[in-house]
Amino acid sequence: MIQTVGYALSHYASYKEMCGDDEEGYHKRMVSMLGILFNGFVNYNPVVNQVAFRVIGQRIFESKHLGKKMKLEIFK
């Protein structure tokens, strides 16, 4: 699940263009997806923690599909 959410977030900018969501709905959905990803950080299972950290590092912040502005918004 965490890897799927990470992949979806790494391509999230193209989703907005494709579906024509309004800004508020787009932002709420992104925050909700980030919540799923961040829940992996506090999971009791160390494997889930590792996966969550790897996904945010590789899929989000190393992504070629996300611009610096989007990465900054996710970081905040």
N, C-alpha and C. Protein backbone atom coordinates (compact mmCIF):
# COMPACT_ATOMS: atom_id res chain seq x y z
N MET A 1 0.83 -1.20 0.00
CA MET A 1 0.00 0.00 0.00
C MET A 1 0.87 1.26 0.00
N ILE A 2 1.90 1.25 0.83
CA ILE A 2 2.77 2.43 0.93
C ILE A 2 3.48 2.67 -0.40
N GLN A 3 3.93 1.63 -1.05
CA GLN A 3 4.61 1.79 -2.33
C GLN A 3 3.65 2.31 -3.39
N THR A 4 2.42 1.85 -3.37
CA THR A 4 1.42 2.31 -4.33
C THR A 4 1.12 3.79 -4.13
N VAL A 5 0.95 4.21 -2.88
CA VAL A 5 0.70 5.62 -2.59
C VAL A 5 1.90 6.46 -3.01
N GLY A 6 3.11 5.97 -2.75
CA GLY A 6 4.31 6.69 -3.17
C GLY A 6 4.38 6.86 -4.67
N TYR A 7 4.04 5.81 -5.40
CA TYR A 7 4.05 5.89 -6.86
C TYR A 7 3.00 6.90 -7.34
N ALA A 8 1.81 6.83 -6.74
CA ALA A 8 0.74 7.76 -7.13
C ALA A 8 1.15 9.21 -6.84
N LEU A 9 1.77 9.44 -5.69
CA LEU A 9 2.21 10.79 -5.36
C LEU A 9 3.31 11.27 -6.29
N SER A 10 4.18 10.37 -6.70
CA SER A 10 5.27 10.78 -7.58
C SER A 10 4.78 11.20 -8.97
N HIS A 11 3.56 10.80 -9.31
CA HIS A 11 2.96 11.18 -10.60
C HIS A 11 1.74 12.08 -10.40
N TYR A 12 1.59 12.65 -9.22
CA TYR A 12 0.38 13.37 -8.87
C TYR A 12 0.19 14.66 -9.66
N ALA A 13 1.25 15.30 -10.05
CA ALA A 13 1.13 16.54 -10.82
C ALA A 13 0.42 16.30 -12.16
N SER A 14 0.71 15.18 -12.79
CA SER A 14 0.06 14.88 -14.08
C SER A 14 -1.42 14.54 -13.88
N TYR A 15 -1.78 14.05 -12.69
CA TYR A 15 -3.18 13.75 -12.38
C TYR A 15 -4.02 15.03 -12.43
N LYS A 16 -3.49 16.09 -11.87
CA LYS A 16 -4.22 17.36 -11.84
C LYS A 16 -4.50 17.84 -13.25
N GLU A 17 -3.52 17.77 -14.10
CA GLU A 17 -3.68 18.20 -15.49
C GLU A 17 -4.69 17.31 -16.22
N MET A 18 -4.63 16.02 -15.94
CA MET A 18 -5.46 15.06 -16.64
C MET A 18 -6.93 15.15 -16.22
N CYS A 19 -7.19 15.34 -14.93
CA CYS A 19 -8.57 15.29 -14.42
C CYS A 19 -9.21 16.65 -14.20
N GLY A 20 -8.41 17.70 -14.19
CA GLY A 20 -8.97 19.04 -14.05
C GLY A 20 -9.61 19.32 -12.71
N ASP A 21 -9.06 18.77 -11.64
CA ASP A 21 -9.58 19.03 -10.29
C ASP A 21 -9.38 20.49 -9.90
N ASP A 22 -10.25 20.96 -9.00
CA ASP A 22 -10.03 22.29 -8.44
C ASP A 22 -8.89 22.21 -7.43
N GLU A 23 -8.33 23.34 -7.10
CA GLU A 23 -7.12 23.40 -6.26
C GLU A 23 -7.36 22.80 -4.87
N GLU A 24 -8.51 23.09 -4.28
CA GLU A 24 -8.79 22.60 -2.92
C GLU A 24 -8.92 21.07 -2.89
N GLY A 25 -9.66 20.52 -3.81
CA GLY A 25 -9.82 19.06 -3.87
C GLY A 25 -8.51 18.36 -4.15
N TYR A 26 -7.72 18.94 -5.03
CA TYR A 26 -6.41 18.40 -5.37
C TYR A 26 -5.51 18.38 -4.14
N HIS A 27 -5.49 19.47 -3.39
CA HIS A 27 -4.64 19.57 -2.21
C HIS A 27 -5.11 18.62 -1.10
N LYS A 28 -6.42 18.54 -0.86
CA LYS A 28 -6.95 17.64 0.16
C LYS A 28 -6.60 16.19 -0.14
N ARG A 29 -6.72 15.80 -1.40
CA ARG A 29 -6.40 14.43 -1.79
C ARG A 29 -4.92 14.14 -1.57
N MET A 30 -4.07 15.11 -1.90
CA MET A 30 -2.63 14.93 -1.71
C MET A 30 -2.30 14.77 -0.23
N VAL A 31 -2.91 15.60 0.62
CA VAL A 31 -2.66 15.52 2.06
C VAL A 31 -3.14 14.18 2.61
N SER A 32 -4.25 13.70 2.13
CA SER A 32 -4.77 12.40 2.56
C SER A 32 -3.81 11.28 2.17
N MET A 33 -3.30 11.33 0.96
CA MET A 33 -2.35 10.31 0.51
C MET A 33 -1.04 10.39 1.30
N LEU A 34 -0.59 11.60 1.61
CA LEU A 34 0.61 11.76 2.43
C LEU A 34 0.38 11.21 3.83
N GLY A 35 -0.83 11.35 4.35
CA GLY A 35 -1.16 10.79 5.66
C GLY A 35 -0.99 9.29 5.68
N ILE A 36 -1.40 8.62 4.62
CA ILE A 36 -1.21 7.17 4.52
C ILE A 36 0.27 6.84 4.54
N LEU A 37 1.03 7.58 3.77
CA LEU A 37 2.48 7.34 3.71
C LEU A 37 3.14 7.61 5.06
N PHE A 38 2.78 8.69 5.71
CA PHE A 38 3.40 9.06 6.99
C PHE A 38 3.00 8.12 8.12
N ASN A 39 1.85 7.49 8.01
CA ASN A 39 1.48 6.49 9.02
C ASN A 39 2.47 5.34 9.06
N GLY A 40 3.14 5.09 7.96
CA GLY A 40 4.16 4.06 7.94
C GLY A 40 5.35 4.40 8.82
N PHE A 41 5.58 5.68 9.06
CA PHE A 41 6.70 6.10 9.92
C PHE A 41 6.48 5.70 11.38
N VAL A 42 5.23 5.64 11.80
CA VAL A 42 4.94 5.37 13.20
C VAL A 42 4.43 3.95 13.43
N ASN A 43 4.51 3.12 12.42
CA ASN A 43 4.08 1.75 12.55
C ASN A 43 5.03 0.98 13.46
N TYR A 44 4.50 0.05 14.21
CA TYR A 44 5.31 -0.75 15.12
C TYR A 44 6.24 -1.72 14.40
N ASN A 45 5.93 -2.06 13.17
CA ASN A 45 6.72 -3.01 12.39
C ASN A 45 7.89 -2.29 11.73
N PRO A 46 9.13 -2.69 12.04
CA PRO A 46 10.29 -1.99 11.47
C PRO A 46 10.38 -2.09 9.94
N VAL A 47 9.84 -3.14 9.36
CA VAL A 47 9.87 -3.27 7.90
C VAL A 47 8.98 -2.20 7.27
N VAL A 48 7.83 -1.95 7.88
CA VAL A 48 6.93 -0.91 7.37
C VAL A 48 7.60 0.45 7.48
N ASN A 49 8.30 0.71 8.59
CA ASN A 49 9.05 1.96 8.74
C ASN A 49 10.07 2.13 7.63
N GLN A 50 10.83 1.08 7.36
CA GLN A 50 11.86 1.15 6.32
C GLN A 50 11.26 1.41 4.96
N VAL A 51 10.16 0.74 4.67
CA VAL A 51 9.50 0.94 3.38
C VAL A 51 9.02 2.38 3.25
N ALA A 52 8.41 2.91 4.30
CA ALA A 52 7.89 4.28 4.25
C ALA A 52 9.02 5.28 4.01
N PHE A 53 10.13 5.12 4.71
CA PHE A 53 11.26 6.03 4.52
C PHE A 53 11.86 5.89 3.12
N ARG A 54 11.96 4.65 2.64
CA ARG A 54 12.51 4.44 1.31
C ARG A 54 11.60 5.06 0.24
N VAL A 55 10.30 4.88 0.40
CA VAL A 55 9.35 5.40 -0.58
C VAL A 55 9.40 6.93 -0.62
N ILE A 56 9.41 7.56 0.54
CA ILE A 56 9.43 9.04 0.51
C ILE A 56 10.76 9.55 -0.04
N GLY A 57 11.84 8.84 0.22
CA GLY A 57 13.13 9.26 -0.30
C GLY A 57 13.28 9.01 -1.79
N GLN A 58 12.94 7.80 -2.22
CA GLN A 58 13.15 7.44 -3.63
C GLN A 58 12.00 7.87 -4.53
N ARG A 59 10.78 7.58 -4.13
CA ARG A 59 9.64 7.86 -5.01
C ARG A 59 9.26 9.34 -5.03
N ILE A 60 9.42 10.01 -3.90
CA ILE A 60 8.98 11.41 -3.82
C ILE A 60 10.13 12.37 -4.11
N PHE A 61 11.13 12.37 -3.23
CA PHE A 61 12.17 13.39 -3.33
C PHE A 61 13.21 13.11 -4.40
N GLU A 62 13.29 11.89 -4.89
CA GLU A 62 14.20 11.58 -5.99
C GLU A 62 13.47 11.52 -7.33
N SER A 63 12.18 11.77 -7.32
CA SER A 63 11.35 11.64 -8.51
C SER A 63 11.73 12.66 -9.59
N LYS A 64 11.75 12.19 -10.81
CA LYS A 64 11.98 13.06 -11.97
C LYS A 64 10.65 13.65 -12.45
N HIS A 65 9.54 13.12 -11.96
CA HIS A 65 8.21 13.55 -12.39
C HIS A 65 7.69 14.74 -11.59
N LEU A 66 8.23 14.93 -10.39
CA LEU A 66 7.80 16.04 -9.55
C LEU A 66 8.78 17.19 -9.64
N GLY A 67 8.26 18.38 -9.74
CA GLY A 67 9.11 19.56 -9.75
C GLY A 67 9.53 19.95 -8.34
N LYS A 68 10.45 20.88 -8.25
CA LYS A 68 10.93 21.33 -6.94
C LYS A 68 9.82 21.97 -6.12
N LYS A 69 8.91 22.66 -6.77
CA LYS A 69 7.81 23.31 -6.06
C LYS A 69 6.92 22.28 -5.38
N MET A 70 6.60 21.22 -6.10
CA MET A 70 5.75 20.15 -5.54
C MET A 70 6.48 19.42 -4.42
N LYS A 71 7.75 19.16 -4.59
CA LYS A 71 8.54 18.50 -3.54
C LYS A 71 8.60 19.36 -2.28
N LEU A 72 8.72 20.66 -2.47
CA LEU A 72 8.73 21.58 -1.34
C LEU A 72 7.38 21.56 -0.62
N GLU A 73 6.30 21.54 -1.38
CA GLU A 73 4.96 21.49 -0.78
C GLU A 73 4.78 20.20 0.03
N ILE A 74 5.25 19.09 -0.50
CA ILE A 74 5.17 17.82 0.22
C ILE A 74 6.04 17.87 1.46
N PHE A 75 7.21 18.45 1.37
CA PHE A 75 8.12 18.54 2.51
C PHE A 75 7.49 19.35 3.65
N LYS A 76 6.79 20.43 3.27
CA LYS A 76 6.15 21.28 4.30
C LYS A 76 5.04 20.53 4.97
